[in-house]
Amino acid sequence: MTIKIDIKFLAGLFIGAVVVGSLVILFTGGDDDPEPGNASQNSSLEPVAPEAGASEGGDEEENEGDKGDEEGGNAAGPALTLPVPEGEGKINCPSPTKTVNDAAGLETALQGAKAGDVIKMNPGTYKGKFVAKTDGTQQQPIYLCGDAKSVLDGGGVDEGYGLHLDGANYWRLIGFTVTNSQKGVMGDGTNGSIIQGLLVHEIGDEAVHLRKFSTGNTVQYNKIYNTGLRREKFGEGVYLGSAESNFKKITGGQPDKSDNNVVRGNVIRATAEAIDIKEGTSGGKILNNVFDGSKTGGSKHNDSWIDVKGNNYLIQGNKGTGTPLDGFQTHEIIEGWGKNNTFTGNTIDLAGSGGVGIADTKGGNIIKCDNKMVNGGKLTKDGKCS
């Protein structure tokens, strides 16, 4: 039997198949030509490593589950004119062993720093995100010194950390300015360090943060204002520890025992709490600070100068004026925490907020009767003190 093949018919089938296939590719965007930025079709793209000193995203501590709040930034206000208090414990910079004049010189000095070094920054603007990773010792700390005209400029309020003590122990940061960064000074796993006399302002989130088991540090006599320019509700002045929601990321799931830190003699005008003391931390001292609560807000939870969620803190001799609700608050975020804290000798001006001086929400704390209310208002909800 003879089979006749119609060449024209076969050619037509072939051409039709090519046309149909082309249309399929055109409308489905085939695997060989993925749409730009479509990660699901572009699995060969490698992740980009975060820039040194950057926040790596997600380090935005939620304040008691306030995810639904507005997330805009605060508008920068005027400079803070309140004077920094006089007090004990101030240190001076020794004679410099290295002097730097620009960002490149500072970066080199930080990378090569060793115990006993004294790095002096001459006046000028140092643009970048600066990281210290080497250790001083208790007997020979490492000093980084400047004055208010020695300015670390992070390049924008969405841009990483102005200065990062990354596992670097026994540093002395004295006298300079940190500005225009997402977070001002970040201490991760730093121990025995002192942050003194800095001017920290125009910051996207919090100004000074000690976390990741940072222990035995002192934050003293700094002036902090215009925080929260990126996210108003994350604009704390001084932040101790990590929120429980970030334990997995920051401390491998363990409570962030950033313990025995001292916050003393600072002047703070912040959009969130002036000082936020996180669950899992203990044994610190909050002494003789001055709070201007006129910019506090951005979240229904940002309604006091200090939130105390840790244990065994001494909160003494602080002065505050103006607050959305209370002067000081305690909170039990984790069972058994937010307890055995002592409030004594504080001066509280609520400026007619309608709250109370010290709101001990779960009890178990010591509120002394020597806390002074200015311009009216109740010290505690039930009127009791000891």
Protein backbone atom coordinates (compact mmCIF):
# COMPACT_ATOMS: atom_id res chain seq x y z
CA MET A 1 0.00 0.00 0.00
CA THR A 2 1.37 3.40 -0.90
CA ILE A 3 1.18 6.27 1.63
CA LYS A 4 1.17 9.74 0.16
CA ILE A 5 2.62 12.50 2.29
CA ASP A 6 1.34 15.98 1.70
CA ILE A 7 4.43 18.13 2.18
CA LYS A 8 2.43 21.35 2.29
CA PHE A 9 0.19 19.91 5.03
CA LEU A 10 3.19 18.94 7.19
CA ALA A 11 4.80 22.33 6.67
CA GLY A 12 1.60 23.98 7.81
CA LEU A 13 1.53 21.87 10.96
CA PHE A 14 5.14 22.79 11.76
CA ILE A 15 4.59 26.50 11.26
CA GLY A 16 1.44 26.37 13.40
CA ALA A 17 3.29 24.67 16.21
CA VAL A 18 6.02 27.33 16.17
CA VAL A 19 3.47 30.14 16.27
CA VAL A 20 1.53 28.55 19.17
CA GLY A 21 4.72 27.94 21.14
CA SER A 22 5.83 31.53 20.67
CA LEU A 23 2.49 32.80 21.90
CA VAL A 24 2.75 30.59 25.02
CA ILE A 25 6.19 32.00 25.81
CA LEU A 26 5.03 35.53 25.15
CA PHE A 27 2.07 35.35 27.53
CA THR A 28 3.64 33.20 30.28
CA GLY A 29 7.08 34.88 30.37
CA GLY A 30 9.01 31.58 30.08
CA ASP A 31 11.68 30.43 32.51
CA ASP A 32 14.52 31.59 30.29
CA ASP A 33 13.47 35.22 30.44
CA PRO A 34 11.98 36.01 33.85
CA GLU A 35 10.46 39.35 34.61
CA PRO A 36 12.92 41.68 36.34
CA GLY A 37 12.73 41.41 40.11
CA ASN A 38 10.56 38.27 40.11
CA ALA A 39 12.37 36.23 42.73
CA SER A 40 10.20 33.15 42.24
CA GLN A 41 11.43 32.86 38.66
CA ASN A 42 14.97 34.00 39.30
CA SER A 43 16.33 31.48 41.77
CA SER A 44 19.86 31.92 40.45
CA LEU A 45 20.13 35.37 42.06
CA GLU A 46 22.34 35.35 45.16
CA PRO A 47 21.20 37.34 48.21
CA VAL A 48 23.00 40.63 48.70
CA ALA A 49 25.05 40.79 51.89
CA PRO A 50 24.10 43.69 54.17
CA GLU A 51 26.39 46.66 54.24
CA ALA A 52 28.69 46.88 57.23
CA GLY A 53 26.94 48.62 60.08
CA ALA A 54 23.51 48.27 58.49
CA SER A 55 20.55 47.05 60.47
CA GLU A 56 19.93 44.06 58.19
CA GLY A 57 16.22 44.83 58.44
CA GLY A 58 13.66 43.55 60.88
CA ASP A 59 15.37 45.01 63.95
CA GLU A 60 12.34 47.05 64.79
CA GLU A 61 11.28 46.14 68.26
CA GLU A 62 7.52 46.01 68.54
CA ASN A 63 6.27 47.85 71.61
CA GLU A 64 3.77 45.42 73.10
CA GLY A 65 2.18 44.36 69.84
CA ASP A 66 1.51 47.74 68.26
CA LYS A 67 1.83 46.53 64.68
CA GLY A 68 -1.41 48.17 63.67
CA ASP A 69 -0.32 51.68 64.58
CA GLU A 70 0.64 54.36 62.12
CA GLU A 71 4.19 53.86 60.94
CA GLY A 72 5.22 57.29 59.71
CA GLY A 73 8.21 59.29 60.85
CA ASN A 74 8.24 62.28 63.13
CA ALA A 75 9.03 65.71 61.78
CA ALA A 76 12.30 67.08 63.13
CA GLY A 77 11.85 69.67 65.83
CA PRO A 78 14.12 72.39 67.20
CA ALA A 79 17.35 71.63 68.99
CA LEU A 80 17.05 70.59 72.62
CA THR A 81 18.21 73.47 74.80
CA LEU A 82 17.93 71.88 78.26
CA PRO A 83 21.36 71.76 79.91
CA VAL A 84 23.02 68.44 80.67
CA PRO A 85 23.16 67.87 84.44
CA GLU A 86 26.36 67.91 86.41
CA GLY A 87 27.14 64.69 88.21
CA GLU A 88 29.61 62.06 89.24
CA GLY A 89 31.43 59.52 87.15
CA LYS A 90 32.53 61.66 84.22
CA ILE A 91 35.75 60.69 82.50
CA ASN A 92 38.19 62.65 80.36
CA CYS A 93 40.03 61.68 77.20
CA PRO A 94 43.77 61.11 77.60
CA SER A 95 46.25 62.52 75.12
CA PRO A 96 45.62 61.03 71.67
CA THR A 97 47.71 58.25 70.23
CA LYS A 98 46.03 58.72 66.82
CA THR A 99 44.38 61.76 65.26
CA VAL A 100 42.01 61.54 62.30
CA ASN A 101 40.58 64.19 60.00
CA ASP A 102 38.25 62.35 57.62
CA ALA A 103 36.06 59.27 57.24
CA ALA A 104 38.78 57.14 55.64
CA GLY A 105 41.18 57.91 58.46
CA LEU A 106 38.55 57.12 61.07
CA GLU A 107 37.67 53.81 59.45
CA THR A 108 41.34 52.81 59.36
CA ALA A 109 41.81 53.80 62.99
CA LEU A 110 38.77 51.80 64.11
CA GLN A 111 39.86 48.73 62.18
CA GLY A 112 43.35 48.85 63.64
CA ALA A 113 42.40 49.86 67.17
CA LYS A 114 44.03 48.04 70.06
CA ALA A 115 43.88 48.25 73.83
CA GLY A 116 45.12 51.59 75.12
CA ASP A 117 44.55 53.54 71.89
CA VAL A 118 43.12 57.04 72.11
CA ILE A 119 41.62 58.11 68.78
CA LYS A 120 40.92 61.81 68.44
CA MET A 121 38.56 63.10 65.76
CA ASN A 122 39.30 66.63 64.66
CA PRO A 123 36.26 68.82 63.88
CA GLY A 124 34.61 67.93 60.59
CA THR A 125 31.95 65.72 59.04
CA TYR A 126 32.71 62.00 58.88
CA LYS A 127 30.26 60.44 56.45
CA GLY A 128 29.68 56.71 56.70
CA LYS A 129 28.62 53.88 58.94
CA PHE A 130 31.40 53.16 61.38
CA VAL A 131 32.07 49.84 63.13
CA ALA A 132 34.38 48.90 66.00
CA LYS A 133 35.11 45.21 66.55
CA THR A 134 38.30 45.04 68.61
CA ASP A 135 38.51 44.92 72.42
CA GLY A 136 40.07 47.19 74.93
CA THR A 137 40.60 45.96 78.47
CA GLN A 138 39.42 47.20 81.83
CA GLN A 139 42.90 48.59 82.50
CA GLN A 140 43.43 49.83 78.92
CA PRO A 141 40.15 50.80 77.28
CA ILE A 142 39.99 52.19 73.75
CA TYR A 143 38.96 55.85 73.50
CA LEU A 144 37.18 57.53 70.60
CA CYS A 145 37.00 61.24 71.34
CA GLY A 146 35.86 64.45 69.69
CA ASP A 147 33.70 67.48 70.30
CA ALA A 148 30.27 68.53 69.10
CA LYS A 149 31.79 69.63 65.77
CA SER A 150 33.19 66.15 65.16
CA VAL A 151 30.14 64.75 63.38
CA LEU A 152 29.43 61.15 62.36
CA ASP A 153 26.92 61.48 59.51
CA GLY A 154 25.25 58.18 58.60
CA GLY A 155 23.91 59.36 55.26
CA GLY A 156 20.17 59.21 55.99
CA VAL A 157 17.60 58.20 58.58
CA ASP A 158 16.90 54.94 56.72
CA GLU A 159 20.57 54.02 56.68
CA GLY A 160 21.98 51.63 59.29
CA TYR A 161 23.94 52.56 62.43
CA GLY A 162 25.94 55.73 62.96
CA LEU A 163 28.42 53.87 65.17
CA HIS A 164 28.33 50.16 65.95
CA LEU A 165 30.19 48.53 68.84
CA ASP A 166 30.02 45.03 67.41
CA GLY A 167 31.26 42.69 70.11
CA ALA A 168 33.79 45.36 71.10
CA ASN A 169 34.45 45.60 74.85
CA TYR A 170 35.80 48.43 77.00
CA TRP A 171 35.34 51.37 74.67
CA ARG A 172 35.01 55.02 75.69
CA LEU A 173 32.94 57.11 73.27
CA ILE A 174 33.26 60.73 74.35
CA GLY A 175 32.06 64.12 73.22
CA PHE A 176 31.18 63.89 69.51
CA THR A 177 27.98 64.09 67.47
CA VAL A 178 26.07 61.23 65.82
CA THR A 179 23.38 62.22 63.35
CA ASN A 180 21.46 61.34 60.18
CA SER A 181 21.31 57.54 60.61
CA GLN A 182 18.59 54.98 61.21
CA LYS A 183 19.97 54.17 64.67
CA GLY A 184 22.52 56.29 66.45
CA VAL A 185 24.91 54.22 68.60
CA MET A 186 24.32 50.45 68.65
CA GLY A 187 26.06 48.19 71.14
CA ASP A 188 25.92 44.47 70.37
CA GLY A 189 27.66 42.32 72.95
CA THR A 190 29.67 45.21 74.33
CA ASN A 191 30.76 45.04 77.97
CA GLY A 192 32.32 47.64 80.23
CA SER A 193 31.93 50.49 77.73
CA ILE A 194 31.06 54.14 78.40
CA ILE A 195 29.05 56.39 76.09
CA GLN A 196 29.44 59.94 77.41
CA GLY A 197 28.75 63.49 76.33
CA LEU A 198 27.50 62.68 72.85
CA LEU A 199 25.04 64.78 70.89
CA VAL A 200 22.69 62.29 69.16
CA HIS A 201 19.97 63.77 66.97
CA GLU A 202 18.16 63.49 63.63
CA ILE A 203 17.83 59.72 64.02
CA GLY A 204 15.38 57.45 62.18
CA ASP A 205 14.60 55.13 65.10
CA GLU A 206 16.31 54.91 68.53
CA ALA A 207 19.33 56.96 69.56
CA VAL A 208 21.37 54.59 71.80
CA HIS A 209 20.73 50.85 72.04
CA LEU A 210 22.51 48.23 74.16
CA ARG A 211 21.51 44.67 73.33
CA LYS A 212 22.77 41.12 72.68
CA PHE A 213 24.04 40.53 76.24
CA SER A 214 25.65 43.97 76.57
CA THR A 215 26.49 44.18 80.27
CA GLY A 216 28.05 46.62 82.70
CA ASN A 217 27.99 49.64 80.39
CA THR A 218 27.31 53.30 81.21
CA VAL A 219 25.35 55.77 79.07
CA GLN A 220 25.84 59.17 80.68
CA TYR A 221 25.55 62.93 80.17
CA ASN A 222 24.43 62.71 76.54
CA LYS A 223 21.93 65.00 74.82
CA ILE A 224 19.39 63.14 72.67
CA TYR A 225 16.58 64.60 70.57
CA ASN A 226 14.78 64.37 67.20
CA THR A 227 14.52 60.60 67.21
CA GLY A 228 11.86 58.63 65.33
CA LEU A 229 12.27 60.49 62.02
CA ARG A 230 11.83 57.20 60.13
CA ARG A 231 9.44 55.38 62.45
CA GLU A 232 8.06 57.58 65.19
CA LYS A 233 6.93 54.67 67.34
CA PHE A 234 10.48 53.23 67.42
CA GLY A 235 12.14 56.53 68.40
CA GLU A 236 13.38 55.60 71.89
CA GLY A 237 16.12 57.67 73.48
CA VAL A 238 18.00 54.86 75.26
CA TYR A 239 17.00 51.23 74.71
CA LEU A 240 18.20 48.38 76.95
CA GLY A 241 17.89 44.78 75.74
CA SER A 242 15.55 43.31 73.13
CA ALA A 243 11.83 42.72 72.94
CA GLU A 244 10.67 39.14 73.42
CA SER A 245 9.52 39.16 69.78
CA ASN A 246 13.17 39.59 68.73
CA PHE A 247 14.82 37.03 71.04
CA LYS A 248 14.97 34.45 68.26
CA LYS A 249 16.72 36.83 65.91
CA ILE A 250 19.00 38.67 68.32
CA THR A 251 19.90 36.15 71.04
CA GLY A 252 19.11 32.72 69.63
CA GLY A 253 15.78 32.53 71.45
CA GLN A 254 17.20 33.32 74.90
CA PRO A 255 16.22 36.37 76.98
CA ASP A 256 18.57 39.23 76.16
CA LYS A 257 20.41 39.54 79.48
CA SER A 258 21.81 43.00 78.88
CA ASP A 259 22.26 43.51 82.61
CA ASN A 260 23.74 45.98 85.09
CA ASN A 261 23.82 48.94 82.72
CA VAL A 262 23.74 52.49 84.08
CA VAL A 263 21.87 55.34 82.34
CA ARG A 264 22.82 58.55 84.11
CA GLY A 265 22.49 62.32 83.66
CA ASN A 266 21.18 62.30 80.09
CA VAL A 267 18.81 64.90 78.62
CA ILE A 268 16.29 63.25 76.29
CA ARG A 269 13.43 64.37 74.08
CA ALA A 270 12.25 61.30 72.19
CA THR A 271 9.19 60.25 70.19
CA ALA A 272 8.93 56.90 72.00
CA GLU A 273 10.03 56.28 75.59
CA ALA A 274 13.03 58.29 76.71
CA ILE A 275 14.30 55.02 78.23
CA ASP A 276 12.88 51.60 77.34
CA ILE A 277 13.96 48.78 79.67
CA LYS A 278 13.17 45.44 78.08
CA GLU A 279 12.02 42.14 79.53
CA GLY A 280 14.90 39.81 80.37
CA THR A 281 17.24 42.58 81.56
CA SER A 282 18.02 43.22 85.22
CA GLY A 283 20.08 45.07 87.78
CA GLY A 284 20.51 48.42 86.04
CA LYS A 285 20.39 51.96 87.38
CA ILE A 286 18.50 54.89 85.84
CA LEU A 287 19.80 57.98 87.62
CA ASN A 288 19.31 61.75 87.42
CA ASN A 289 18.13 61.96 83.82
CA VAL A 290 16.01 64.82 82.45
CA PHE A 291 13.05 64.09 80.16
CA ASP A 292 11.15 66.41 77.85
CA GLY A 293 8.00 64.52 76.84
CA SER A 294 6.67 67.13 74.43
CA LYS A 295 7.38 64.97 71.34
CA THR A 296 6.44 61.59 72.79
CA GLY A 297 3.81 59.76 70.73
CA GLY A 298 3.45 57.91 67.46
CA SER A 299 1.90 54.88 69.13
CA LYS A 300 -0.76 54.24 71.74
CA HIS A 301 1.98 52.52 73.76
CA ASN A 302 4.39 55.47 73.76
CA ASP A 303 2.79 57.23 76.71
CA SER A 304 5.47 57.54 79.42
CA TRP A 305 9.09 58.61 79.88
CA ILE A 306 10.25 55.19 81.02
CA ASP A 307 8.83 51.71 80.53
CA VAL A 308 10.29 49.16 82.94
CA LYS A 309 9.82 45.54 81.82
CA GLY A 310 12.98 44.21 83.46
CA ASN A 311 13.72 43.35 87.10
CA ASN A 312 15.68 44.85 89.98
CA TYR A 313 16.28 48.32 88.54
CA LEU A 314 16.85 51.46 90.59
CA ILE A 315 15.05 54.46 89.05
CA GLN A 316 16.20 57.43 91.08
CA GLY A 317 16.49 61.21 90.86
CA ASN A 318 15.02 61.62 87.38
CA LYS A 319 13.03 64.70 86.32
CA GLY A 320 10.38 64.80 83.61
CA THR A 321 7.96 67.33 82.15
CA GLY A 322 5.05 66.62 79.83
CA THR A 323 3.84 63.17 78.85
CA PRO A 324 0.88 61.72 76.94
CA LEU A 325 -0.22 59.81 80.04
CA ASP A 326 2.06 58.62 82.88
CA GLY A 327 5.52 59.53 84.03
CA PHE A 328 6.82 55.98 84.58
CA GLN A 329 5.24 52.61 83.83
CA THR A 330 5.99 48.97 84.65
CA HIS A 331 4.83 46.09 82.45
CA GLU A 332 4.87 42.31 82.77
CA ILE A 333 5.56 41.19 79.18
CA ILE A 334 7.02 37.86 80.34
CA GLU A 335 5.68 36.22 83.48
CA GLY A 336 7.80 37.18 86.46
CA TRP A 337 9.37 40.21 84.77
CA GLY A 338 8.71 43.88 85.43
CA LYS A 339 9.17 43.21 89.16
CA ASN A 340 11.17 44.38 92.18
CA ASN A 341 12.09 47.73 90.67
CA THR A 342 12.53 50.71 93.00
CA PHE A 343 11.35 54.24 92.20
CA THR A 344 12.71 56.91 94.53
CA GLY A 345 13.42 60.64 94.52
CA ASN A 346 12.00 61.34 91.05
CA THR A 347 10.35 64.68 90.18
CA ILE A 348 7.27 64.34 87.98
CA ASP A 349 5.39 67.06 86.09
CA LEU A 350 2.59 65.46 84.10
CA ALA A 351 1.59 68.82 82.58
CA GLY A 352 -2.08 67.95 82.93
CA SER A 353 -1.95 64.64 81.06
CA GLY A 354 -4.50 62.98 83.33
CA GLY A 355 -2.28 60.00 84.08
CA VAL A 356 -0.33 59.15 87.21
CA GLY A 357 3.26 59.64 88.19
CA ILE A 358 4.13 55.94 88.39
CA ALA A 359 1.79 53.31 86.94
CA ASP A 360 2.71 49.93 88.41
CA THR A 361 0.42 47.96 86.12
CA LYS A 362 0.93 44.48 87.65
CA GLY A 363 2.34 45.33 91.07
CA GLY A 364 5.42 43.88 92.72
CA ASN A 365 7.50 47.08 92.60
CA ILE A 366 8.61 49.58 95.25
CA ILE A 367 7.35 53.14 94.92
CA LYS A 368 8.76 55.44 97.58
CA CYS A 369 6.77 58.35 98.94
CA ASP A 370 9.74 60.67 98.26
CA ASN A 371 8.80 60.80 94.57
CA LYS A 372 7.57 64.36 94.05
CA MET A 373 4.58 65.41 91.96
CA VAL A 374 4.79 68.91 90.46
CA ASN A 375 1.68 70.83 89.29
CA GLY A 376 -0.77 68.29 90.61
CA GLY A 377 -1.70 64.73 89.74
CA LYS A 378 -1.59 61.48 91.68
CA LEU A 379 1.63 59.61 92.29
CA THR A 380 -0.05 56.18 91.95
CA LYS A 381 -3.50 54.99 90.93
CA ASP A 382 -4.39 53.80 94.43
CA GLY A 383 -2.53 56.59 96.23
CA LYS A 384 -0.19 54.14 97.96
CA CYS A 385 3.57 54.48 98.35
CA SER A 386 6.13 53.30 100.85
